[in-house]
Each structure stands twice: as C-alpha cells, then as structure tokens.
Amino acid sequence: MTQKRTEPSSQVAILLSLYNGEAYLDAQLTSILAQTHPDWTLYWRDDASSDFSRSRMQAFAQGPGQGRCIEITSRQERLGVAGSYAHLLDVVPSTPYVAFADQDDIWEPQKLEWALDTVARCPSHKPTLYCARQYLTNADLVIFQESAPLRRKPNFPTALTQNIATGHTVLLNAATHTLLRNNPPPPSILHDWWAYLLTAAAGGEVIFDSRCVSYYRQHAHNTIGATDSFIKRGWAACRRGPKVFMTIFRSNVTHLLNQPENLSPPALRLLKAIAAARTFPARLRTLFRYSSLRRQRFSETVVFRLWFLFSR
C-alpha cells in the first residue's frame, strides 16, 4: 500500500497589538477575514487603549472571527509598540509561520498566500523573513504612491543601516520566531527591524516581494509612517542629525554582539570590526573592507558613511 505523504503545516499565527485604533480596526479585520489562505489564528492584545478598540476586537472575535481569535491578557499594562509585539512573540505557541498585523492597514486578499508560497521554498530550519512593498494611502485609503522598490539586495550589512521590512508585510518562519522569543528589540527600534536584523545576522534568508501586498494608511497617529520622497526623507534625516541615528546604530551592534550564539561568522566579524573602529582611520578601513555597509540610495549611503566616519 502506498503511504500518502504528509503535507507540511501552513498554519499562520497573526499577531496584532491594539492601541486606540478603533477608527480603522474593522477594515483591517475584514481584510484578514478575506484572506485566500484560510489557515490562520489571530493572537491579539490591547495595549491599554482609552477608546473602544478592545470592545470592537471582542465583537469581531465573538462574531465573524469566532473560533479564530485568541486574546493575550498575561500583561495588561501599556508596553508600547515594540514591547507589545515582543510580548506576543514570547507567549504565542510555536507555529510554522508568524505574521505581523497593524490595526490601521488593509491587506490584499492574497497577502498570506503570496508570502507562504515564497517562504515555503526555503528550508524550514533556516531563519527566513518575508516582507514586501505597500500602497501608501491617505487616511481614507486614497493611494498617492507605491512604496519604493528595492535597489539593493537585502543582506546583513544593509540591515544594520536601514530597515526595509515594514511590519504589517512581514511573515516569519518558525526558525526566525525562535530567534525572537525572549529576545526583545534594543531601545529605539521596533519589532520589524529587529526581526530583519536577527534573520540576516543569523545567515538566514530575507525575501523582499516587489508586489504591493497592503494599503498603508498615512495619518496623524502613525507610529512610524512612510514616504518615498527623497526631499522629505533627507530633510527628516537632517533634522534628526547624526547623533540619533548613530546611537541607534551602535545600540543594535551592541545588542547583537551580546548574543554571539545567534550570529553567522561573517556577521560576527563585521560587528566586531565596527565595535573596534573607534578612530577615523579604523572606521575608514572598515568602510573599505565592508563596502556593502550601505543604504538603499546612493545619496543616503554617502550621508551614512560621513556620519559613521565623523560621529563621536
């Protein structure tokens, strides 16, 4: 008798943190319910909202999402965006795939299907992260542009200088989820960049989909927001100045060096070289040796390298 081959599980744990998001939450939940990939469970927590976010989520869980929504109540205090998603990553059960969701965006119906079709081609033991482009919209979902295409292939050096993994597009496999358990992000960065950094640092696979998989609302209460305008991005960087960026950069380097067991040999060598480069000549040698330590745009790479060379 021929034994039927068991297909690998394609169950997805969708993680959603709420904070005063009642205005747009229903539309996001409707888009999750409309996914062409049906094997998902929504794990959610309310991060001490002062509006009706939690009650709207409960109504969805008792109605259209019945049997597919699990509220996480192990911590009920305000944790902030990064802390809330870190807690969700810590407490949800092991699942083949994990996806991040935001309360105010809308997913294309094929979003999970596209991500799974791509990630499933990679070995399950290898840390893998999928992310993608988005339609940038105003608060009323009127599209004003698409997010930027990828100009350089993602790798660990580029992950150190810039995040390309917009949270609500991200899907992780179980190997990356293991890296993130009980391993919260450093101060000043969010869960999506930390997931990207850890995946790349471990020698994992980072996949960027050129398709737009979601509608990313830009409104007054975005935690981060997005723009593909060179002028706006440049002005924002100049206003922040080198101190803020380089503090985040060095914090990420330090946090990664504190977990060498999760690092590939090339990543460990690069991090040690950066940490040891305390003088201008040493920093210049590091940039020559690691030419892939750059951002997506040439002009932004020039600014980063100047900041790296001259910041204290």
Protein backbone atom coordinates (compact mmCIF):
# COMPACT_ATOMS: atom_id res chain seq x y z
CA MET A 1 0.00 0.00 0.00
CA THR A 2 1.34 3.46 -0.93
CA GLN A 3 1.58 5.75 2.05
CA LYS A 4 0.26 9.25 1.48
CA ARG A 5 2.87 11.95 2.04
CA THR A 6 2.02 14.30 4.86
CA GLU A 7 1.94 17.90 3.70
CA PRO A 8 3.76 20.38 5.93
CA SER A 9 1.51 22.60 8.02
CA SER A 10 0.86 26.09 6.69
CA GLN A 11 -0.79 27.48 9.79
CA VAL A 12 -0.12 31.17 10.41
CA ALA A 13 -0.19 32.95 13.76
CA ILE A 14 -1.19 36.55 13.06
CA LEU A 15 -0.05 38.94 15.80
CA LEU A 16 -1.99 42.16 16.37
CA SER A 17 -1.40 44.80 19.02
CA LEU A 18 -4.11 47.42 19.54
CA TYR A 19 -3.76 50.94 20.85
CA ASN A 20 -6.55 53.46 20.31
CA GLY A 21 -7.19 52.08 16.85
CA GLU A 22 -10.97 51.85 16.72
CA ALA A 23 -11.26 54.21 13.75
CA TYR A 24 -9.64 51.79 11.28
CA LEU A 25 -9.69 48.41 13.03
CA ASP A 26 -12.83 46.99 11.41
CA ALA A 27 -11.42 47.42 7.90
CA GLN A 28 -8.20 45.61 8.82
CA LEU A 29 -10.09 42.73 10.42
CA THR A 30 -12.32 42.41 7.36
CA SER A 31 -9.24 42.15 5.14
CA ILE A 32 -7.77 39.42 7.35
CA LEU A 33 -11.04 37.51 7.17
CA ALA A 34 -10.94 37.79 3.35
CA GLN A 35 -7.53 36.08 3.00
CA THR A 36 -7.34 33.40 0.34
CA HIS A 37 -5.14 31.41 2.73
CA PRO A 38 -7.63 30.30 5.39
CA ASP A 39 -5.38 28.55 7.94
CA TRP A 40 -4.70 31.34 10.42
CA THR A 41 -5.29 32.22 14.05
CA LEU A 42 -5.30 35.83 15.25
CA TYR A 43 -3.50 36.42 18.56
CA TRP A 44 -4.15 39.89 19.87
CA ARG A 45 -3.68 42.10 22.88
CA ASP A 46 -4.88 45.57 23.78
CA ASP A 47 -2.06 47.86 24.90
CA ALA A 48 -4.15 49.83 27.43
CA SER A 49 -6.30 51.67 24.90
CA SER A 50 -8.51 54.51 26.09
CA ASP A 51 -11.01 54.11 23.24
CA PHE A 52 -13.23 51.18 22.20
CA SER A 53 -10.52 49.17 20.39
CA ARG A 54 -10.77 46.21 22.74
CA SER A 55 -14.56 46.02 22.63
CA ARG A 56 -14.55 46.18 18.81
CA MET A 57 -11.98 43.40 18.71
CA GLN A 58 -14.06 41.33 21.14
CA ALA A 59 -17.13 41.84 18.95
CA PHE A 60 -15.18 40.53 15.95
CA ALA A 61 -13.91 37.54 17.97
CA GLN A 62 -17.45 36.67 19.02
CA GLY A 63 -18.85 37.25 15.54
CA PRO A 64 -17.14 36.87 12.12
CA GLY A 65 -13.84 35.75 13.67
CA GLN A 66 -15.33 33.29 16.13
CA GLY A 67 -13.03 30.39 16.92
CA ARG A 68 -10.03 32.04 15.25
CA CYS A 69 -9.12 34.81 17.69
CA ILE A 70 -7.23 34.47 20.97
CA GLU A 71 -6.79 37.42 23.31
CA ILE A 72 -3.48 37.59 25.18
CA THR A 73 -4.11 39.03 28.65
CA SER A 74 -0.99 37.92 30.54
CA ARG A 75 0.18 41.53 30.69
CA GLN A 76 -2.38 44.32 30.71
CA GLU A 77 -0.19 47.38 31.24
CA ARG A 78 0.95 49.69 28.46
CA LEU A 79 4.05 48.17 26.82
CA GLY A 80 4.41 50.35 23.73
CA VAL A 81 4.51 49.06 20.18
CA ALA A 82 7.85 47.22 20.38
CA GLY A 83 7.13 45.81 23.84
CA SER A 84 3.64 44.68 22.93
CA TYR A 85 4.76 42.72 19.86
CA ALA A 86 7.74 41.32 21.75
CA HIS A 87 5.34 40.01 24.39
CA LEU A 88 3.11 38.45 21.73
CA LEU A 89 6.13 36.75 20.17
CA ASP A 90 7.10 35.38 23.58
CA VAL A 91 3.74 33.88 24.55
CA VAL A 92 2.09 32.58 21.38
CA PRO A 93 2.52 28.85 20.75
CA SER A 94 5.01 27.51 18.24
CA THR A 95 3.51 27.79 14.76
CA PRO A 96 5.05 27.16 11.33
CA TYR A 97 4.60 30.82 10.37
CA VAL A 98 4.07 34.15 12.13
CA ALA A 99 2.73 37.33 10.52
CA PHE A 100 2.60 40.85 11.95
CA ALA A 101 -0.56 42.91 11.51
CA ASP A 102 -1.21 46.58 12.24
CA GLN A 103 -4.56 47.94 13.38
CA ASP A 104 -4.96 50.59 10.69
CA ASP A 105 -3.87 48.97 7.42
CA ILE A 106 -5.61 46.71 4.90
CA TRP A 107 -4.24 43.52 3.38
CA GLU A 108 -4.63 42.36 -0.18
CA PRO A 109 -6.67 39.12 -0.19
CA GLN A 110 -3.65 37.11 -1.45
CA LYS A 111 -1.17 38.60 1.04
CA LEU A 112 -0.69 35.46 3.17
CA GLU A 113 -0.88 33.18 0.14
CA TRP A 114 1.87 35.09 -1.67
CA ALA A 115 4.08 35.12 1.41
CA LEU A 116 3.64 31.42 2.13
CA ASP A 117 4.25 30.40 -1.47
CA THR A 118 7.58 32.22 -1.27
CA VAL A 119 8.76 31.24 2.21
CA ALA A 120 7.78 27.58 1.80
CA ARG A 121 10.51 27.20 -0.83
CA CYS A 122 13.19 27.78 1.83
CA PRO A 123 14.37 25.05 4.23
CA SER A 124 12.29 25.16 7.40
CA HIS A 125 15.38 25.06 9.64
CA LYS A 126 16.81 28.23 8.07
CA PRO A 127 15.63 31.54 9.58
CA THR A 128 13.52 33.24 6.91
CA LEU A 129 11.73 36.58 6.76
CA TYR A 130 9.38 37.76 4.01
CA CYS A 131 8.44 41.40 3.51
CA ALA A 132 7.01 43.42 0.65
CA ARG A 133 6.03 46.75 -0.85
CA GLN A 134 2.85 48.61 0.02
CA TYR A 135 0.42 51.10 -1.46
CA LEU A 136 0.83 54.33 0.50
CA THR A 137 -2.56 55.92 1.10
CA ASN A 138 -4.11 58.78 2.99
CA ALA A 139 -6.42 58.17 5.94
CA ASP A 140 -9.29 57.47 3.52
CA LEU A 141 -7.32 54.81 1.61
CA VAL A 142 -6.75 57.01 -1.44
CA ILE A 143 -3.47 55.77 -2.95
CA PHE A 144 -0.90 58.51 -3.57
CA GLN A 145 2.08 56.29 -4.44
CA GLU A 146 3.66 52.87 -4.08
CA SER A 147 6.45 52.33 -1.59
CA ALA A 148 9.95 52.25 -3.01
CA PRO A 149 11.21 49.21 -4.89
CA LEU A 150 14.32 47.54 -3.54
CA ARG A 151 17.51 48.93 -5.05
CA ARG A 152 19.96 46.61 -3.32
CA LYS A 153 19.57 43.00 -2.28
CA PRO A 154 19.00 42.69 1.47
CA ASN A 155 21.90 41.33 3.50
CA PHE A 156 23.26 41.79 6.99
CA PRO A 157 25.41 44.90 6.37
CA THR A 158 22.48 46.71 4.74
CA ALA A 159 20.18 45.55 7.54
CA LEU A 160 22.43 47.37 10.03
CA THR A 161 21.99 50.69 8.24
CA GLN A 162 18.31 50.64 7.26
CA ASN A 163 15.08 48.74 7.80
CA ILE A 164 13.27 47.51 4.67
CA ALA A 165 10.83 45.18 6.47
CA THR A 166 7.63 47.16 7.04
CA GLY A 167 5.91 45.41 9.93
CA HIS A 168 2.49 44.63 8.51
CA THR A 169 4.03 42.99 5.41
CA VAL A 170 6.27 40.66 7.42
CA LEU A 171 5.90 36.90 7.65
CA LEU A 172 8.41 34.79 9.60
CA ASN A 173 9.06 31.09 9.68
CA ALA A 174 9.38 29.18 12.96
CA ALA A 175 13.19 29.39 12.93
CA THR A 176 13.11 33.19 13.00
CA HIS A 177 10.36 33.11 15.61
CA THR A 178 12.69 31.05 17.81
CA LEU A 179 15.38 33.73 17.49
CA LEU A 180 12.88 36.38 18.62
CA ARG A 181 11.46 34.55 21.64
CA ASN A 182 12.51 36.23 24.89
CA ASN A 183 14.78 38.46 22.83
CA PRO A 184 13.18 41.94 22.71
CA PRO A 185 14.49 44.64 20.39
CA PRO A 186 17.03 47.20 21.55
CA PRO A 187 15.75 50.65 22.54
CA SER A 188 14.57 52.93 19.74
CA ILE A 189 13.81 50.27 17.12
CA LEU A 190 10.63 48.29 16.54
CA HIS A 191 9.91 44.59 16.23
CA ASP A 192 10.05 44.56 12.42
CA TRP A 193 13.60 45.91 12.10
CA TRP A 194 14.75 43.63 14.94
CA ALA A 195 13.26 40.59 13.16
CA TYR A 196 15.04 41.63 9.95
CA LEU A 197 18.35 42.19 11.77
CA LEU A 198 18.26 38.86 13.59
CA THR A 199 17.32 36.91 10.48
CA ALA A 200 20.11 38.48 8.46
CA ALA A 201 22.64 38.21 11.30
CA ALA A 202 21.95 34.50 11.66
CA GLY A 203 22.72 33.93 7.99
CA GLY A 204 19.05 33.47 7.20
CA GLU A 205 17.03 34.31 4.12
CA VAL A 206 15.42 37.74 3.69
CA ILE A 207 12.90 37.88 0.85
CA PHE A 208 11.55 41.17 -0.48
CA ASP A 209 8.44 40.91 -2.66
CA SER A 210 8.19 43.60 -5.34
CA ARG A 211 4.39 43.31 -5.28
CA CYS A 212 2.34 45.68 -3.12
CA VAL A 213 0.60 43.46 -0.58
CA SER A 214 -1.18 46.02 1.59
CA TYR A 215 -2.61 49.51 1.88
CA TYR A 216 -0.52 51.51 4.35
CA ARG A 217 -2.52 54.40 5.78
CA GLN A 218 -0.58 57.60 6.42
CA HIS A 219 -2.37 59.61 9.09
CA ALA A 220 -1.71 61.82 12.08
CA HIS A 221 -1.27 58.91 14.52
CA ASN A 222 1.16 56.62 12.63
CA THR A 223 3.89 55.24 14.87
CA ILE A 224 6.43 55.49 12.04
CA GLY A 225 4.78 56.30 8.71
CA ALA A 226 6.42 56.12 5.29
CA THR A 227 7.41 58.29 2.40
CA ASP A 228 9.33 57.71 -0.82
CA SER A 229 10.05 61.41 -1.24
CA PHE A 230 13.81 61.97 -1.35
CA ILE A 231 13.41 65.56 -0.17
CA LYS A 232 11.20 64.66 2.79
CA ARG A 233 13.43 61.75 3.81
CA GLY A 234 16.54 63.89 3.52
CA TRP A 235 15.02 66.76 5.50
CA ALA A 236 13.87 64.38 8.24
CA ALA A 237 17.37 62.87 8.46
CA CYS A 238 18.98 66.30 8.70
CA ARG A 239 16.58 67.37 11.44
CA ARG A 240 17.39 64.23 13.45
CA GLY A 241 21.10 64.61 12.85
CA PRO A 242 23.85 62.02 13.21
CA LYS A 243 23.62 61.58 16.97
CA VAL A 244 20.18 59.93 16.95
CA PHE A 245 20.94 57.61 14.05
CA MET A 246 24.40 56.60 15.25
CA THR A 247 23.10 55.95 18.77
CA ILE A 248 20.57 53.51 17.32
CA PHE A 249 23.22 52.00 15.05
CA ARG A 250 25.65 51.38 17.91
CA SER A 251 22.89 50.06 20.16
CA ASN A 252 21.96 47.49 17.52
CA VAL A 253 25.61 46.45 17.16
CA THR A 254 25.97 46.03 20.93
CA HIS A 255 22.78 44.02 21.32
CA LEU A 256 23.77 41.67 18.53
CA LEU A 257 27.29 41.18 19.90
CA ASN A 258 25.74 40.15 23.21
CA GLN A 259 24.25 37.06 21.55
CA PRO A 260 27.10 35.53 19.51
CA GLU A 261 25.33 32.16 19.51
CA ASN A 262 22.78 33.64 17.07
CA LEU A 263 25.32 35.14 14.67
CA SER A 264 26.84 33.76 11.49
CA PRO A 265 30.67 34.02 11.29
CA PRO A 266 30.57 36.84 8.68
CA ALA A 267 28.09 38.82 10.80
CA LEU A 268 30.20 38.37 13.92
CA ARG A 269 33.34 39.56 12.10
CA LEU A 270 31.56 42.67 10.81
CA LEU A 271 30.11 43.55 14.21
CA LYS A 272 33.47 43.16 15.93
CA ALA A 273 35.11 45.35 13.27
CA ILE A 274 32.50 48.08 13.77
CA ALA A 275 32.81 47.93 17.56
CA ALA A 276 36.60 48.15 17.38
CA ALA A 277 36.64 51.08 14.90
CA ARG A 278 37.00 53.96 17.35
CA THR A 279 39.26 56.24 15.30
CA PHE A 280 38.85 57.84 11.90
CA PRO A 281 41.49 55.62 10.20
CA ALA A 282 39.93 52.47 11.70
CA ARG A 283 36.47 53.50 10.56
CA LEU A 284 37.74 54.30 7.09
CA ARG A 285 39.38 50.86 6.85
CA THR A 286 36.10 49.27 7.97
CA LEU A 287 34.17 51.03 5.21
CA PHE A 288 36.73 49.95 2.60
CA ARG A 289 36.70 46.37 3.86
CA TYR A 290 32.91 46.15 4.14
CA SER A 291 31.72 48.06 1.09
CA SER A 292 28.25 46.53 1.45
CA LEU A 293 27.74 48.58 4.62
CA ARG A 294 25.38 50.92 2.78
CA ARG A 295 21.80 52.08 2.44
CA GLN A 296 19.38 51.63 -0.45
CA ARG A 297 20.02 55.04 -2.06
CA PHE A 298 23.48 56.27 -3.07
CA SER A 299 22.91 59.71 -1.51
CA GLU A 300 21.79 58.17 1.78
CA THR A 301 24.83 55.89 1.75
CA VAL A 302 27.09 58.95 1.44
CA VAL A 303 25.41 60.57 4.45
CA PHE A 304 25.62 57.36 6.50
CA ARG A 305 29.32 56.95 5.75
CA LEU A 306 30.07 60.54 6.70
CA TRP A 307 28.19 60.10 9.97
CA PHE A 308 29.98 56.79 10.60
CA LEU A 309 33.39 58.38 9.98
CA PHE A 310 32.98 61.57 11.97
CA SER A 311 30.47 60.88 14.75
CA ARG A 312 31.77 60.58 18.29
